[in-house]
PDB file of N, CA and C in Angstrom:
ATOM      1  N   ALA A   1       7.014   2.543 -11.617  1.00  0.00           N
ATOM      2  CA  ALA A   1       6.456   1.230 -11.889  1.00  0.00           C
ATOM      3  C   ALA A   1       4.964   1.368 -12.151  1.00  0.00           C
ATOM      4  N   LYS A   2       4.502   0.585 -13.074  1.00  0.00           N
ATOM      5  CA  LYS A   2       3.106   0.679 -13.488  1.00  0.00           C
ATOM      6  C   LYS A   2       2.155  -0.032 -12.528  1.00  0.00           C
ATOM      7  N   THR A   3       2.586  -1.132 -11.940  1.00  0.00           N
ATOM      8  CA  THR A   3       1.741  -1.884 -11.005  1.00  0.00           C
ATOM      9  C   THR A   3       2.553  -2.251  -9.764  1.00  0.00           C
ATOM     10  N   ILE A   4       1.846  -2.704  -8.751  1.00  0.00           N
ATOM     11  CA  ILE A   4       2.516  -3.112  -7.516  1.00  0.00           C
ATOM     12  C   ILE A   4       3.481  -4.269  -7.783  1.00  0.00           C
ATOM     13  N   ARG A   5       3.134  -5.151  -8.701  1.00  0.00           N
ATOM     14  CA  ARG A   5       4.028  -6.268  -9.031  1.00  0.00           C
ATOM     15  C   ARG A   5       5.294  -5.751  -9.707  1.00  0.00           C
ATOM     16  N   ASN A   6       5.161  -4.796 -10.646  1.00  0.00           N
ATOM     17  CA  ASN A   6       6.342  -4.193 -11.267  1.00  0.00           C
ATOM     18  C   ASN A   6       7.220  -3.520 -10.219  1.00  0.00           C
ATOM     19  N   PHE A   7       6.589  -2.821  -9.277  1.00  0.00           N
ATOM     20  CA  PHE A   7       7.310  -2.157  -8.197  1.00  0.00           C
ATOM     21  C   PHE A   7       8.092  -3.183  -7.383  1.00  0.00           C
ATOM     22  N   ALA A   8       7.436  -4.290  -7.046  1.00  0.00           N
ATOM     23  CA  ALA A   8       8.090  -5.343  -6.260  1.00  0.00           C
ATOM     24  C   ALA A   8       9.269  -5.937  -7.025  1.00  0.00           C
ATOM     25  N   ASP A   9       9.081  -6.173  -8.317  1.00  0.00           N
ATOM     26  CA  ASP A   9      10.165  -6.723  -9.133  1.00  0.00           C
ATOM     27  C   ASP A   9      11.352  -5.763  -9.184  1.00  0.00           C
ATOM     28  N   LYS A  10      11.074  -4.486  -9.414  1.00  0.00           N
ATOM     29  CA  LYS A  10      12.145  -3.494  -9.549  1.00  0.00           C
ATOM     30  C   LYS A  10      12.874  -3.241  -8.238  1.00  0.00           C
ATOM     31  N   THR A  11      12.193  -3.424  -7.118  1.00  0.00           N
ATOM     32  CA  THR A  11      12.834  -3.181  -5.823  1.00  0.00           C
ATOM     33  C   THR A  11      13.346  -4.463  -5.173  1.00  0.00           C
ATOM     34  N   GLY A  12      13.156  -5.601  -5.834  1.00  0.00           N
ATOM     35  CA  GLY A  12      13.670  -6.865  -5.317  1.00  0.00           C
ATOM     36  C   GLY A  12      12.902  -7.407  -4.125  1.00  0.00           C
ATOM     37  N   MET A  13      11.616  -7.071  -4.023  1.00  0.00           N
ATOM     38  CA  MET A  13      10.794  -7.566  -2.908  1.00  0.00           C
ATOM     39  C   MET A  13      10.576  -9.063  -3.040  1.00  0.00           C
ATOM     40  N   SER A  14      10.593  -9.739  -1.909  1.00  0.00           N
ATOM     41  CA  SER A  14      10.222 -11.150  -1.900  1.00  0.00           C
ATOM     42  C   SER A  14       8.698 -11.245  -2.021  1.00  0.00           C
ATOM     43  N   THR A  15       8.205 -12.425  -2.274  1.00  0.00           N
ATOM     44  CA  THR A  15       6.758 -12.630  -2.344  1.00  0.00           C
ATOM     45  C   THR A  15       6.103 -12.279  -1.015  1.00  0.00           C
ATOM     46  N   ASP A  16       6.747 -12.658   0.084  1.00  0.00           N
ATOM     47  CA  ASP A  16       6.203 -12.328   1.411  1.00  0.00           C
ATOM     48  C   ASP A  16       6.153 -10.820   1.632  1.00  0.00           C
ATOM     49  N   ASP A  17       7.220 -10.114   1.225  1.00  0.00           N
ATOM     50  CA  ASP A  17       7.239  -8.653   1.366  1.00  0.00           C
ATOM     51  C   ASP A  17       6.142  -8.011   0.525  1.00  0.00           C
ATOM     52  N   LEU A  18       5.977  -8.494  -0.694  1.00  0.00           N
ATOM     53  CA  LEU A  18       4.931  -7.966  -1.568  1.00  0.00           C
ATOM     54  C   LEU A  18       3.562  -8.185  -0.945  1.00  0.00           C
ATOM     55  N   ASN A  19       3.316  -9.385  -0.438  1.00  0.00           N
ATOM     56  CA  ASN A  19       2.019  -9.673   0.184  1.00  0.00           C
ATOM     57  C   ASN A  19       1.774  -8.781   1.391  1.00  0.00           C
ATOM     58  N   HIS A  20       2.798  -8.574   2.208  1.00  0.00           N
ATOM     59  CA  HIS A  20       2.664  -7.710   3.386  1.00  0.00           C
ATOM     60  C   HIS A  20       2.376  -6.266   2.957  1.00  0.00           C
ATOM     61  N   PHE A  21       3.135  -5.765   1.998  1.00  0.00           N
ATOM     62  CA  PHE A  21       2.947  -4.407   1.491  1.00  0.00           C
ATOM     63  C   PHE A  21       1.531  -4.239   0.937  1.00  0.00           C
ATOM     64  N   GLN A  22       1.091  -5.207   0.151  1.00  0.00           N
ATOM     65  CA  GLN A  22      -0.247  -5.140  -0.425  1.00  0.00           C
ATOM     66  C   GLN A  22      -1.308  -5.178   0.670  1.00  0.00           C
ATOM     67  N   ASN A  23      -1.132  -6.020   1.678  1.00  0.00           N
ATOM     68  CA  ASN A  23      -2.103  -6.093   2.776  1.00  0.00           C
ATOM     69  C   ASN A  23      -2.198  -4.778   3.536  1.00  0.00           C
ATOM     70  N   VAL A  24      -1.056  -4.118   3.761  1.00  0.00           N
ATOM     71  CA  VAL A  24      -1.072  -2.815   4.432  1.00  0.00           C
ATOM     72  C   VAL A  24      -1.833  -1.802   3.583  1.00  0.00           C
ATOM     73  N   MET A  25      -1.577  -1.791   2.280  1.00  0.00           N
ATOM     74  CA  MET A  25      -2.265  -0.847   1.387  1.00  0.00           C
ATOM     75  C   MET A  25      -3.771  -1.116   1.369  1.00  0.00           C
ATOM     76  N   VAL A  26      -4.164  -2.377   1.321  1.00  0.00           N
ATOM     77  CA  VAL A  26      -5.587  -2.729   1.338  1.00  0.00           C
ATOM     78  C   VAL A  26      -6.224  -2.282   2.652  1.00  0.00           C
ATOM     79  N   THR A  27      -5.532  -2.505   3.752  1.00  0.00           N
ATOM     80  CA  THR A  27      -6.040  -2.102   5.067  1.00  0.00           C
ATOM     81  C   THR A  27      -6.274  -0.599   5.113  1.00  0.00           C
ATOM     82  N   ILE A  28      -5.317   0.180   4.604  1.00  0.00           N
ATOM     83  CA  ILE A  28      -5.471   1.635   4.555  1.00  0.00           C
ATOM     84  C   ILE A  28      -6.622   2.007   3.638  1.00  0.00           C
ATOM     85  N   HIS A  29      -6.667   1.387   2.469  1.00  0.00           N
ATOM     86  CA  HIS A  29      -7.721   1.680   1.487  1.00  0.00           C
ATOM     87  C   HIS A  29      -9.111   1.425   2.066  1.00  0.00           C
ATOM     88  N   GLU A  30      -9.238   0.370   2.856  1.00  0.00           N
ATOM     89  CA  GLU A  30     -10.531   0.013   3.446  1.00  0.00           C
ATOM     90  C   GLU A  30     -10.817   0.770   4.738  1.00  0.00           C
ATOM     91  N   GLY A  31      -9.882   1.613   5.170  1.00  0.00           N
ATOM     92  CA  GLY A  31     -10.106   2.434   6.356  1.00  0.00           C
ATOM     93  C   GLY A  31      -9.990   1.697   7.674  1.00  0.00           C
ATOM     94  N   ARG A  32      -9.328   0.560   7.675  1.00  0.00           N
ATOM     95  CA  ARG A  32      -9.170  -0.227   8.907  1.00  0.00           C
ATOM     96  C   ARG A  32      -7.863   0.149   9.603  1.00  0.00           C
ATOM     97  N   LEU A  33      -7.742   1.415   9.951  1.00  0.00           N
ATOM     98  CA  LEU A  33      -6.490   1.934  10.488  1.00  0.00           C
ATOM     99  C   LEU A  33      -6.102   1.322  11.820  1.00  0.00           C
ATOM    100  N   GLU A  34      -7.083   0.886  12.597  1.00  0.00           N
ATOM    101  CA  GLU A  34      -6.763   0.298  13.901  1.00  0.00           C
ATOM    102  C   GLU A  34      -5.944  -0.981  13.757  1.00  0.00           C
ATOM    103  N   GLU A  35      -5.869  -1.531  12.549  1.00  0.00           N
ATOM    104  CA  GLU A  35      -5.134  -2.774  12.319  1.00  0.00           C
ATOM    105  C   GLU A  35      -3.680  -2.544  11.923  1.00  0.00           C
ATOM    106  N   ILE A  36      -3.277  -1.291  11.773  1.00  0.00           N
ATOM    107  CA  ILE A  36      -1.890  -1.008  11.404  1.00  0.00           C
ATOM    108  C   ILE A  36      -1.192  -0.297  12.564  1.00  0.00           C
ATOM    109  N   PRO A  37       0.139  -0.329  12.602  1.00  0.00           N
ATOM    110  CA  PRO A  37       0.869   0.300  13.712  1.00  0.00           C
ATOM    111  C   PRO A  37       0.567   1.792  13.844  1.00  0.00           C
ATOM    112  N   LEU A  38       0.716   2.295  15.054  1.00  0.00           N
ATOM    113  CA  LEU A  38       0.407   3.690  15.350  1.00  0.00           C
ATOM    114  C   LEU A  38       1.174   4.654  14.457  1.00  0.00           C
ATOM    115  N   PHE A  39       2.464   4.400  14.217  1.00  0.00           N
ATOM    116  CA  PHE A  39       3.232   5.323  13.373  1.00  0.00           C
ATOM    117  C   PHE A  39       2.645   5.390  11.965  1.00  0.00           C
ATOM    118  N   ALA A  40       2.133   4.270  11.475  1.00  0.00           N
ATOM    119  CA  ALA A  40       1.514   4.257  10.154  1.00  0.00           C
ATOM    120  C   ALA A  40       0.169   4.973  10.182  1.00  0.00           C
ATOM    121  N   GLN A  41      -0.568   4.846  11.280  1.00  0.00           N
ATOM    122  CA  GLN A  41      -1.832   5.575  11.417  1.00  0.00           C
ATOM    123  C   GLN A  41      -1.578   7.073  11.320  1.00  0.00           C
ATOM    124  N   GLU A  42      -0.511   7.538  11.957  1.00  0.00           N
ATOM    125  CA  GLU A  42      -0.172   8.959  11.911  1.00  0.00           C
ATOM    126  C   GLU A  42       0.190   9.385  10.493  1.00  0.00           C
ATOM    127  N   ALA A  43       0.901   8.537   9.763  1.00  0.00           N
ATOM    128  CA  ALA A  43       1.253   8.844   8.379  1.00  0.00           C
ATOM    129  C   ALA A  43       0.004   8.939   7.512  1.00  0.00           C
ATOM    130  N   VAL A  44      -0.960   8.068   7.771  1.00  0.00           N
ATOM    131  CA  VAL A  44      -2.208   8.093   7.008  1.00  0.00           C
ATOM    132  C   VAL A  44      -2.910   9.424   7.208  1.00  0.00           C
ATOM    133  N   THR A  45      -2.958   9.879   8.437  1.00  0.00           N
ATOM    134  CA  THR A  45      -3.637  11.148   8.695  1.00  0.00           C
ATOM    135  C   THR A  45      -2.867  12.320   8.105  1.00  0.00           C
ATOM    136  N   GLN A  46      -1.616  12.107   7.755  1.00  0.00           N
ATOM    137  CA  GLN A  46      -0.812  13.170   7.162  1.00  0.00           C
ATOM    138  C   GLN A  46      -0.742  13.064   5.639  1.00  0.00           C
ATOM    139  N   GLY A  47      -1.598  12.286   5.011  1.00  0.00           N
ATOM    140  CA  GLY A  47      -1.678  12.270   3.562  1.00  0.00           C
ATOM    141  C   GLY A  47      -1.449  10.947   2.878  1.00  0.00           C
ATOM    142  N   LEU A  48      -1.002   9.928   3.605  1.00  0.00           N
ATOM    143  CA  LEU A  48      -0.759   8.643   2.964  1.00  0.00           C
ATOM    144  C   LEU A  48      -2.045   8.047   2.400  1.00  0.00           C
ATOM    145  N   ALA A  49      -3.161   8.257   3.075  1.00  0.00           N
ATOM    146  CA  ALA A  49      -4.436   7.718   2.584  1.00  0.00           C
ATOM    147  C   ALA A  49      -4.752   8.278   1.202  1.00  0.00           C
ATOM    148  N   SER A  50      -4.464   9.545   0.991  1.00  0.00           N
ATOM    149  CA  SER A  50      -4.684  10.163  -0.314  1.00  0.00           C
ATOM    150  C   SER A  50      -3.800   9.503  -1.371  1.00  0.00           C
ATOM    151  N   LEU A  51      -2.552   9.232  -1.017  1.00  0.00           N
ATOM    152  CA  LEU A  51      -1.646   8.550  -1.937  1.00  0.00           C
ATOM    153  C   LEU A  51      -2.164   7.159  -2.275  1.00  0.00           C
ATOM    154  N   VAL A  52      -2.618   6.421  -1.271  1.00  0.00           N
ATOM    155  CA  VAL A  52      -3.142   5.074  -1.502  1.00  0.00           C
ATOM    156  C   VAL A  52      -4.336   5.128  -2.451  1.00  0.00           C
ATOM    157  N   GLU A  53      -5.228   6.085  -2.251  1.00  0.00           N
ATOM    158  CA  GLU A  53      -6.383   6.228  -3.146  1.00  0.00           C
ATOM    159  C   GLU A  53      -5.921   6.462  -4.580  1.00  0.00           C
ATOM    160  N   LYS A  54      -4.938   7.320  -4.754  1.00  0.00           N
ATOM    161  CA  LYS A  54      -4.429   7.605  -6.100  1.00  0.00           C
ATOM    162  C   LYS A  54      -3.786   6.366  -6.717  1.00  0.00           C
ATOM    163  N   LEU A  55      -3.115   5.558  -5.898  1.00  0.00           N
ATOM    164  CA  LEU A  55      -2.523   4.321  -6.408  1.00  0.00           C
ATOM    165  C   LEU A  55      -3.599   3.359  -6.895  1.00  0.00           C
ATOM    166  N   TYR A  56      -4.695   3.263  -6.156  1.00  0.00           N
ATOM    167  CA  TYR A  56      -5.805   2.410  -6.588  1.00  0.00           C
ATOM    168  C   TYR A  56      -6.423   2.949  -7.868  1.00  0.00           C
ATOM    169  N   GLU A  57      -6.663   4.249  -7.923  1.00  0.00           N
ATOM    170  CA  GLU A  57      -7.286   4.863  -9.097  1.00  0.00           C
ATOM    171  C   GLU A  57      -6.423   4.692 -10.346  1.00  0.00           C
ATOM    172  N   SER A  58      -5.110   4.703 -10.170  1.00  0.00           N
ATOM    173  CA  SER A  58      -4.196   4.606 -11.311  1.00  0.00           C
ATOM    174  C   SER A  58      -4.029   3.177 -11.820  1.00  0.00           C
ATOM    175  N   GLY A  59      -4.512   2.195 -11.045  1.00  0.00           N
ATOM    176  CA  GLY A  59      -4.332   0.796 -11.428  1.00  0.00           C
ATOM    177  C   GLY A  59      -3.052   0.190 -10.878  1.00  0.00           C
ATOM    178  N   PHE A  60      -2.291   0.957 -10.084  1.00  0.00           N
ATOM    179  CA  PHE A  60      -1.031   0.469  -9.521  1.00  0.00           C
ATOM    180  C   PHE A  60      -1.225  -0.786  -8.689  1.00  0.00           C
ATOM    181  N   MET A  61      -2.339  -0.891  -7.985  1.00  0.00           N
ATOM    182  CA  MET A  61      -2.567  -2.027  -7.096  1.00  0.00           C
ATOM    183  C   MET A  61      -3.047  -3.275  -7.832  1.00  0.00           C
ATOM    184  N   ASP A  62      -3.261  -3.176  -9.137  1.00  0.00           N
ATOM    185  CA  ASP A  62      -3.660  -4.346  -9.921  1.00  0.00           C
ATOM    186  C   ASP A  62      -2.474  -5.297 -10.050  1.00  0.00           C
ATOM    187  N   ILE A  63      -2.735  -6.579  -9.851  1.00  0.00           N
ATOM    188  CA  ILE A  63      -1.645  -7.568  -9.982  1.00  0.00           C
ATOM    189  C   ILE A  63      -1.754  -8.272 -11.311  1.00  0.00           C
TER     190      ILE A  63
END
């Protein structure tokens, strides 16, 4: 999928799910890890933050 909206459409996400997913990605992108669950914090330290950065750079997060 080219953008987060295309991804949501292709995976059948509801608007609420899309908003939640986008908020989590923004939180990671802004480095506010204390605001996400511990298991997600561990994933970030294992490379998810790098993936999120690449998604932003590619324009995927554009709506």
